[in-house]
Amino acid sequence: VLADGTLTNLPTGWTVTGAGGAYNPPTTVFASGNGTNGSNIGFLNSGNLEQVLSTNFNSALNYQLSVDVGRRLDLSAQSYTVQLYAGATLLGSYSNTTAEAGNWVTATIDVVGSNFVAANGQALKIVLSTGGTQVNFDNVQLTETSGTGAVAENSTNGTVVATVTTLDRDPSNTITYSLTDSAGGRFAINSTTGIITVANGSLLDFESATSHSVVVRATDQ
């Protein structure tokens, strides 16, 4: 952890193209004096922050990349772009303008792996870029799932539906999982393993609905 108010141009695990690095913001920059996930955050005044992961793309899986993007109290809002690649293939991109002063927003990219079969086996890469001075990034999470799970209607509670795996930029972190949308209580997730199971099989009625969606939140500690 950097000392309060200090920065480095060599953020661990990331390559900087342009002007950027890691920063521990004081309360004059963000009221909390922290990012959304601990003390240190990434910053960009120009160019890109990039990280090539040790995990390769698998078109049998689906992916979600989420990044918290912050705006300093003392600077105007700037545009930014979040991108996910497999080798040279762009899997998804999200561009917007940062939040109100002193706040954070979450940028999310969802990728259906089967749409990019030709990129199988290519290294996954995260690219964060800015359109001005200064954009801050934190809590970068890449989650993979085993695609669409299938269970029979009225399945027994506890029946396994799918498994979620998070590819964290810091392998020393402990990941916990939760459902922000459990499809009306139909499904549950193991907070440690990421295994999604049936929570209430009596609510699975094929005649009423042929599919349901859940939203998973992965949090590192």
C-alpha atoms as a PDB file:
ATOM      1  CA  VAL A   1       0.000   0.000   0.000  1.00  0.00           C
ATOM      2  CA  LEU A   2       1.364   3.398  -0.956  1.00  0.00           C
ATOM      3  CA  ALA A   3       1.606   6.190   1.602  1.00  0.00           C
ATOM      4  CA  ASP A   4      -1.383   8.537   1.607  1.00  0.00           C
ATOM      5  CA  GLY A   5      -1.198  11.020  -1.266  1.00  0.00           C
ATOM      6  CA  THR A   6       1.720   9.300  -3.050  1.00  0.00           C
ATOM      7  CA  LEU A   7       1.905   7.610  -6.433  1.00  0.00           C
ATOM      8  CA  THR A   8       4.079   5.326  -8.542  1.00  0.00           C
ATOM      9  CA  ASN A   9       4.417   5.091 -12.308  1.00  0.00           C
ATOM     10  CA  LEU A  10       5.007   1.332 -12.039  1.00  0.00           C
ATOM     11  CA  PRO A  11       1.709  -0.264 -10.872  1.00  0.00           C
ATOM     12  CA  THR A  12       2.177  -3.935  -9.978  1.00  0.00           C
ATOM     13  CA  GLY A  13       1.034  -6.247 -12.765  1.00  0.00           C
ATOM     14  CA  TRP A  14       0.138  -3.464 -15.212  1.00  0.00           C
ATOM     15  CA  THR A  15       1.901  -1.884 -18.183  1.00  0.00           C
ATOM     16  CA  VAL A  16       1.569   1.876 -18.639  1.00  0.00           C
ATOM     17  CA  THR A  17       1.549   3.397 -22.122  1.00  0.00           C
ATOM     18  CA  GLY A  18       1.441   7.146 -21.611  1.00  0.00           C
ATOM     19  CA  ALA A  19       1.188   8.843 -18.209  1.00  0.00           C
ATOM     20  CA  GLY A  20      -0.322   6.783 -15.411  1.00  0.00           C
ATOM     21  CA  GLY A  21       0.306   4.448 -12.531  1.00  0.00           C
ATOM     22  CA  ALA A  22      -0.929   3.662  -9.010  1.00  0.00           C
ATOM     23  CA  TYR A  23      -2.066   6.252  -6.484  1.00  0.00           C
ATOM     24  CA  ASN A  24      -3.227   6.425  -2.874  1.00  0.00           C
ATOM     25  CA  PRO A  25      -5.635   9.387  -2.937  1.00  0.00           C
ATOM     26  CA  PRO A  26      -5.940  11.836  -0.021  1.00  0.00           C
ATOM     27  CA  THR A  27      -9.338  13.044   1.203  1.00  0.00           C
ATOM     28  CA  THR A  28      -8.989  16.164  -0.982  1.00  0.00           C
ATOM     29  CA  VAL A  29      -9.280  13.888  -4.035  1.00  0.00           C
ATOM     30  CA  PHE A  30     -11.838  11.320  -2.819  1.00  0.00           C
ATOM     31  CA  ALA A  31     -13.712  11.993   0.419  1.00  0.00           C
ATOM     32  CA  SER A  32     -13.017   8.471   1.715  1.00  0.00           C
ATOM     33  CA  GLY A  33      -9.284   8.796   1.043  1.00  0.00           C
ATOM     34  CA  ASN A  34      -9.549   5.394  -0.678  1.00  0.00           C
ATOM     35  CA  GLY A  35     -10.767   3.716  -3.814  1.00  0.00           C
ATOM     36  CA  THR A  36     -13.655   1.259  -3.892  1.00  0.00           C
ATOM     37  CA  ASN A  37     -11.400  -1.666  -3.002  1.00  0.00           C
ATOM     38  CA  GLY A  38      -8.690  -0.664  -0.554  1.00  0.00           C
ATOM     39  CA  SER A  39      -6.340   2.295  -0.519  1.00  0.00           C
ATOM     40  CA  ASN A  40      -4.539   2.161  -3.871  1.00  0.00           C
ATOM     41  CA  ILE A  41      -6.159   3.007  -7.208  1.00  0.00           C
ATOM     42  CA  GLY A  42      -4.968   3.204 -10.806  1.00  0.00           C
ATOM     43  CA  PHE A  43      -4.767   6.563 -12.570  1.00  0.00           C
ATOM     44  CA  LEU A  44      -4.325   7.732 -16.153  1.00  0.00           C
ATOM     45  CA  ASN A  45      -3.547  11.192 -17.459  1.00  0.00           C
ATOM     46  CA  SER A  46      -3.049   9.875 -20.994  1.00  0.00           C
ATOM     47  CA  GLY A  47      -2.621   6.590 -22.831  1.00  0.00           C
ATOM     48  CA  ASN A  48      -3.436   3.116 -21.516  1.00  0.00           C
ATOM     49  CA  LEU A  49      -3.167   0.815 -18.529  1.00  0.00           C
ATOM     50  CA  GLU A  50      -2.861  -2.766 -19.819  1.00  0.00           C
ATOM     51  CA  GLN A  51      -2.600  -6.211 -18.302  1.00  0.00           C
ATOM     52  CA  VAL A  52      -2.125  -9.518 -20.148  1.00  0.00           C
ATOM     53  CA  LEU A  53      -3.565 -12.327 -18.031  1.00  0.00           C
ATOM     54  CA  SER A  54      -2.070 -15.779 -17.598  1.00  0.00           C
ATOM     55  CA  THR A  55      -5.473 -17.247 -18.531  1.00  0.00           C
ATOM     56  CA  ASN A  56      -6.331 -17.901 -22.188  1.00  0.00           C
ATOM     57  CA  PHE A  57      -9.699 -17.258 -23.795  1.00  0.00           C
ATOM     58  CA  ASN A  58     -12.089 -20.233 -23.966  1.00  0.00           C
ATOM     59  CA  SER A  59     -15.076 -19.834 -26.288  1.00  0.00           C
ATOM     60  CA  ALA A  60     -17.022 -22.413 -24.253  1.00  0.00           C
ATOM     61  CA  LEU A  61     -17.190 -19.867 -21.421  1.00  0.00           C
ATOM     62  CA  ASN A  62     -18.842 -16.486 -20.967  1.00  0.00           C
ATOM     63  CA  TYR A  63     -17.010 -13.525 -19.417  1.00  0.00           C
ATOM     64  CA  GLN A  64     -17.856 -10.352 -17.530  1.00  0.00           C
ATOM     65  CA  LEU A  65     -15.327  -7.573 -17.005  1.00  0.00           C
ATOM     66  CA  SER A  66     -16.215  -4.926 -14.420  1.00  0.00           C
ATOM     67  CA  VAL A  67     -14.145  -1.863 -13.516  1.00  0.00           C
ATOM     68  CA  ASP A  68     -14.910   0.926 -11.058  1.00  0.00           C
ATOM     69  CA  VAL A  69     -14.161   4.326 -12.620  1.00  0.00           C
ATOM     70  CA  GLY A  70     -13.750   7.422 -10.453  1.00  0.00           C
ATOM     71  CA  ARG A  71     -13.689  11.183 -10.842  1.00  0.00           C
ATOM     72  CA  ARG A  72     -11.582  13.310  -8.518  1.00  0.00           C
ATOM     73  CA  LEU A  73     -13.209  16.054  -6.459  1.00  0.00           C
ATOM     74  CA  ASP A  74     -10.847  18.642  -7.916  1.00  0.00           C
ATOM     75  CA  LEU A  75     -11.052  17.769 -11.634  1.00  0.00           C
ATOM     76  CA  SER A  76     -13.688  17.842 -14.354  1.00  0.00           C
ATOM     77  CA  ALA A  77     -15.234  14.675 -15.790  1.00  0.00           C
ATOM     78  CA  GLN A  78     -13.271  12.890 -18.497  1.00  0.00           C
ATOM     79  CA  SER A  79     -14.127  10.163 -20.981  1.00  0.00           C
ATOM     80  CA  TYR A  80     -12.691   6.664 -20.671  1.00  0.00           C
ATOM     81  CA  THR A  81     -12.746   3.297 -22.436  1.00  0.00           C
ATOM     82  CA  VAL A  82     -12.584  -0.225 -20.986  1.00  0.00           C
ATOM     83  CA  GLN A  83     -11.709  -3.063 -23.384  1.00  0.00           C
ATOM     84  CA  LEU A  84     -11.264  -6.816 -23.208  1.00  0.00           C
ATOM     85  CA  TYR A  85      -9.168  -8.642 -25.814  1.00  0.00           C
ATOM     86  CA  ALA A  86      -8.235 -12.214 -26.672  1.00  0.00           C
ATOM     87  CA  GLY A  87      -4.941 -11.773 -28.441  1.00  0.00           C
ATOM     88  CA  ALA A  88      -5.647  -9.142 -31.120  1.00  0.00           C
ATOM     89  CA  THR A  89      -9.399  -9.834 -31.132  1.00  0.00           C
ATOM     90  CA  LEU A  90     -11.570  -7.245 -29.381  1.00  0.00           C
ATOM     91  CA  LEU A  91     -14.166  -9.127 -27.334  1.00  0.00           C
ATOM     92  CA  GLY A  92     -15.938  -6.107 -25.899  1.00  0.00           C
ATOM     93  CA  SER A  93     -15.625  -2.388 -25.246  1.00  0.00           C
ATOM     94  CA  TYR A  94     -17.324   0.173 -22.991  1.00  0.00           C
ATOM     95  CA  SER A  95     -16.913   3.939 -23.304  1.00  0.00           C
ATOM     96  CA  ASN A  96     -18.469   6.681 -21.202  1.00  0.00           C
ATOM     97  CA  THR A  97     -17.777   9.724 -19.031  1.00  0.00           C
ATOM     98  CA  THR A  98     -16.864   9.457 -15.358  1.00  0.00           C
ATOM     99  CA  ALA A  99     -19.255  10.056 -12.472  1.00  0.00           C
ATOM    100  CA  GLU A 100     -20.027  13.174 -10.465  1.00  0.00           C
ATOM    101  CA  ALA A 101     -17.101  14.723  -8.610  1.00  0.00           C
ATOM    102  CA  GLY A 102     -15.763  12.468  -5.871  1.00  0.00           C
ATOM    103  CA  ASN A 103     -17.852   9.460  -6.947  1.00  0.00           C
ATOM    104  CA  TRP A 104     -17.353   6.141  -8.710  1.00  0.00           C
ATOM    105  CA  VAL A 105     -19.333   4.319 -11.398  1.00  0.00           C
ATOM    106  CA  THR A 106     -18.968   0.708 -12.566  1.00  0.00           C
ATOM    107  CA  ALA A 107     -18.234  -0.063 -16.221  1.00  0.00           C
ATOM    108  CA  THR A 108     -19.273  -3.577 -17.271  1.00  0.00           C
ATOM    109  CA  ILE A 109     -18.590  -5.655 -20.387  1.00  0.00           C
ATOM    110  CA  ASP A 110     -20.394  -8.975 -20.999  1.00  0.00           C
ATOM    111  CA  VAL A 111     -18.927 -11.403 -23.537  1.00  0.00           C
ATOM    112  CA  VAL A 112     -20.592 -14.524 -24.953  1.00  0.00           C
ATOM    113  CA  GLY A 113     -17.648 -16.793 -25.670  1.00  0.00           C
ATOM    114  CA  SER A 114     -19.308 -18.714 -28.493  1.00  0.00           C
ATOM    115  CA  ASN A 115     -19.329 -15.523 -30.581  1.00  0.00           C
ATOM    116  CA  PHE A 116     -15.511 -15.576 -30.781  1.00  0.00           C
ATOM    117  CA  VAL A 117     -14.543 -19.187 -31.534  1.00  0.00           C
ATOM    118  CA  ALA A 118     -11.631 -18.088 -33.755  1.00  0.00           C
ATOM    119  CA  ALA A 119      -9.947 -16.453 -30.727  1.00  0.00           C
ATOM    120  CA  ASN A 120      -9.759 -19.697 -28.721  1.00  0.00           C
ATOM    121  CA  GLY A 121      -6.486 -20.113 -26.836  1.00  0.00           C
ATOM    122  CA  GLN A 122      -5.429 -16.474 -27.115  1.00  0.00           C
ATOM    123  CA  ALA A 123      -4.271 -14.657 -23.987  1.00  0.00           C
ATOM    124  CA  LEU A 124      -6.864 -12.413 -22.366  1.00  0.00           C
ATOM    125  CA  LYS A 125      -5.894  -8.756 -22.064  1.00  0.00           C
ATOM    126  CA  ILE A 126      -7.546  -5.855 -20.217  1.00  0.00           C
ATOM    127  CA  VAL A 127      -7.023  -2.322 -21.593  1.00  0.00           C
ATOM    128  CA  LEU A 128      -8.073   0.831 -19.725  1.00  0.00           C
ATOM    129  CA  SER A 129      -7.706   4.179 -21.498  1.00  0.00           C
ATOM    130  CA  THR A 130      -8.559   7.828 -20.943  1.00  0.00           C
ATOM    131  CA  GLY A 131      -9.609  10.764 -23.070  1.00  0.00           C
ATOM    132  CA  GLY A 132      -8.194  13.370 -20.678  1.00  0.00           C
ATOM    133  CA  THR A 133      -6.725  14.212 -17.285  1.00  0.00           C
ATOM    134  CA  GLN A 134      -7.444  12.380 -14.977  1.00  0.00           C
ATOM    135  CA  VAL A 135      -9.398   9.118 -14.857  1.00  0.00           C
ATOM    136  CA  ASN A 136      -9.088   6.714 -11.902  1.00  0.00           C
ATOM    137  CA  PHE A 137      -9.707   2.963 -11.944  1.00  0.00           C
ATOM    138  CA  ASP A 138     -10.214   0.407  -9.179  1.00  0.00           C
ATOM    139  CA  ASN A 139     -11.631  -3.052  -8.414  1.00  0.00           C
ATOM    140  CA  VAL A 140     -10.922  -4.599 -11.828  1.00  0.00           C
ATOM    141  CA  GLN A 141     -12.670  -7.996 -11.969  1.00  0.00           C
ATOM    142  CA  LEU A 142     -12.893 -10.517 -14.796  1.00  0.00           C
ATOM    143  CA  THR A 143     -15.403 -13.304 -14.128  1.00  0.00           C
ATOM    144  CA  GLU A 144     -15.919 -16.388 -16.249  1.00  0.00           C
ATOM    145  CA  THR A 145     -18.958 -18.678 -16.187  1.00  0.00           C
ATOM    146  CA  SER A 146     -19.673 -22.032 -17.754  1.00  0.00           C
ATOM    147  CA  GLY A 147     -22.248 -20.481 -20.048  1.00  0.00           C
ATOM    148  CA  THR A 148     -25.932 -21.264 -19.696  1.00  0.00           C
ATOM    149  CA  GLY A 149     -26.803 -23.825 -17.043  1.00  0.00           C
ATOM    150  CA  ALA A 150     -29.721 -26.206 -17.490  1.00  0.00           C
ATOM    151  CA  VAL A 151     -31.843 -27.952 -14.868  1.00  0.00           C
ATOM    152  CA  ALA A 152     -35.190 -29.693 -14.980  1.00  0.00           C
ATOM    153  CA  GLU A 153     -38.295 -28.009 -13.610  1.00  0.00           C
ATOM    154  CA  ASN A 154     -38.991 -28.744  -9.954  1.00  0.00           C
ATOM    155  CA  SER A 155     -35.332 -29.777  -9.473  1.00  0.00           C
ATOM    156  CA  THR A 156     -34.269 -30.667  -5.959  1.00  0.00           C
ATOM    157  CA  ASN A 157     -32.876 -27.775  -3.919  1.00  0.00           C
ATOM    158  CA  GLY A 158     -29.082 -27.873  -4.083  1.00  0.00           C
ATOM    159  CA  THR A 159     -28.909 -29.133  -7.680  1.00  0.00           C
ATOM    160  CA  VAL A 160     -25.819 -27.626  -9.353  1.00  0.00           C
ATOM    161  CA  VAL A 161     -26.612 -25.259 -12.252  1.00  0.00           C
ATOM    162  CA  ALA A 162     -23.289 -23.579 -13.120  1.00  0.00           C
ATOM    163  CA  THR A 163     -19.967 -22.439 -11.677  1.00  0.00           C
ATOM    164  CA  VAL A 164     -18.570 -18.911 -11.642  1.00  0.00           C
ATOM    165  CA  THR A 165     -14.814 -18.260 -11.599  1.00  0.00           C
ATOM    166  CA  THR A 166     -13.177 -14.870 -11.105  1.00  0.00           C
ATOM    167  CA  LEU A 167      -9.849 -14.084 -12.774  1.00  0.00           C
ATOM    168  CA  ASP A 168      -8.478 -11.477 -10.392  1.00  0.00           C
ATOM    169  CA  ARG A 169      -5.579  -9.190 -11.316  1.00  0.00           C
ATOM    170  CA  ASP A 170      -4.071  -9.920  -7.861  1.00  0.00           C
ATOM    171  CA  PRO A 171      -3.927 -13.694  -7.216  1.00  0.00           C
ATOM    172  CA  SER A 172      -3.317 -13.138  -3.493  1.00  0.00           C
ATOM    173  CA  ASN A 173      -6.835 -11.749  -3.061  1.00  0.00           C
ATOM    174  CA  THR A 174      -9.663 -13.828  -1.586  1.00  0.00           C
ATOM    175  CA  ILE A 175     -12.803 -13.757  -3.735  1.00  0.00           C
ATOM    176  CA  THR A 176     -16.317 -13.979  -2.292  1.00  0.00           C
ATOM    177  CA  TYR A 177     -19.445 -14.412  -4.409  1.00  0.00           C
ATOM    178  CA  SER A 178     -23.030 -13.245  -3.988  1.00  0.00           C
ATOM    179  CA  LEU A 179     -26.147 -12.910  -6.132  1.00  0.00           C
ATOM    180  CA  THR A 180     -27.523  -9.412  -6.608  1.00  0.00           C
ATOM    181  CA  ASP A 181     -30.371 -10.999  -8.582  1.00  0.00           C
ATOM    182  CA  SER A 182     -31.343 -14.565  -7.632  1.00  0.00           C
ATOM    183  CA  ALA A 183     -34.208 -14.822 -10.162  1.00  0.00           C
ATOM    184  CA  GLY A 184     -36.801 -14.354  -7.445  1.00  0.00           C
ATOM    185  CA  GLY A 185     -35.134 -16.717  -4.977  1.00  0.00           C
ATOM    186  CA  ARG A 186     -34.828 -19.573  -7.448  1.00  0.00           C
ATOM    187  CA  PHE A 187     -31.051 -19.838  -7.224  1.00  0.00           C
ATOM    188  CA  ALA A 188     -28.230 -19.454  -4.691  1.00  0.00           C
ATOM    189  CA  ILE A 189     -24.451 -19.231  -4.926  1.00  0.00           C
ATOM    190  CA  ASN A 190     -21.730 -20.605  -2.674  1.00  0.00           C
ATOM    191  CA  SER A 191     -19.813 -17.543  -1.453  1.00  0.00           C
ATOM    192  CA  THR A 192     -16.491 -19.412  -1.567  1.00  0.00           C
ATOM    193  CA  THR A 193     -16.651 -21.779  -4.555  1.00  0.00           C
ATOM    194  CA  GLY A 194     -18.891 -19.770  -6.908  1.00  0.00           C
ATOM    195  CA  ILE A 195     -21.132 -22.805  -7.509  1.00  0.00           C
ATOM    196  CA  ILE A 196     -24.698 -21.778  -8.426  1.00  0.00           C
ATOM    197  CA  THR A 197     -27.405 -24.146  -7.216  1.00  0.00           C
ATOM    198  CA  VAL A 198     -31.184 -24.406  -7.127  1.00  0.00           C
ATOM    199  CA  ALA A 199     -32.529 -22.649  -4.031  1.00  0.00           C
ATOM    200  CA  ASN A 200     -36.247 -23.245  -4.573  1.00  0.00           C
ATOM    201  CA  GLY A 201     -37.047 -25.888  -7.141  1.00  0.00           C
ATOM    202  CA  SER A 202     -40.778 -25.391  -6.747  1.00  0.00           C
ATOM    203  CA  LEU A 203     -40.382 -22.054  -8.585  1.00  0.00           C
ATOM    204  CA  LEU A 204     -38.902 -23.727 -11.684  1.00  0.00           C
ATOM    205  CA  ASP A 205     -41.899 -24.231 -13.937  1.00  0.00           C
ATOM    206  CA  PHE A 206     -41.102 -24.690 -17.629  1.00  0.00           C
ATOM    207  CA  GLU A 207     -44.636 -23.816 -18.672  1.00  0.00           C
ATOM    208  CA  SER A 208     -44.391 -20.448 -16.886  1.00  0.00           C
ATOM    209  CA  ALA A 209     -40.834 -19.524 -17.960  1.00  0.00           C
ATOM    210  CA  THR A 210     -38.298 -21.430 -20.036  1.00  0.00           C
ATOM    211  CA  SER A 211     -35.271 -19.525 -18.704  1.00  0.00           C
ATOM    212  CA  HIS A 212     -34.137 -17.337 -15.819  1.00  0.00           C
ATOM    213  CA  SER A 213     -31.174 -15.005 -15.344  1.00  0.00           C
ATOM    214  CA  VAL A 214     -29.080 -14.283 -12.268  1.00  0.00           C
ATOM    215  CA  VAL A 215     -26.543 -11.540 -11.574  1.00  0.00           C
ATOM    216  CA  VAL A 216     -23.338 -12.483  -9.750  1.00  0.00           C
ATOM    217  CA  ARG A 217     -21.161 -10.105  -7.748  1.00  0.00           C
ATOM    218  CA  ALA A 218     -17.537 -11.089  -7.080  1.00  0.00           C
ATOM    219  CA  THR A 219     -15.745  -9.154  -4.340  1.00  0.00           C
ATOM    220  CA  ASP A 220     -12.044  -9.428  -3.502  1.00  0.00           C
ATOM    221  CA  GLN A 221     -10.651  -8.926  -0.019  1.00  0.00           C
END
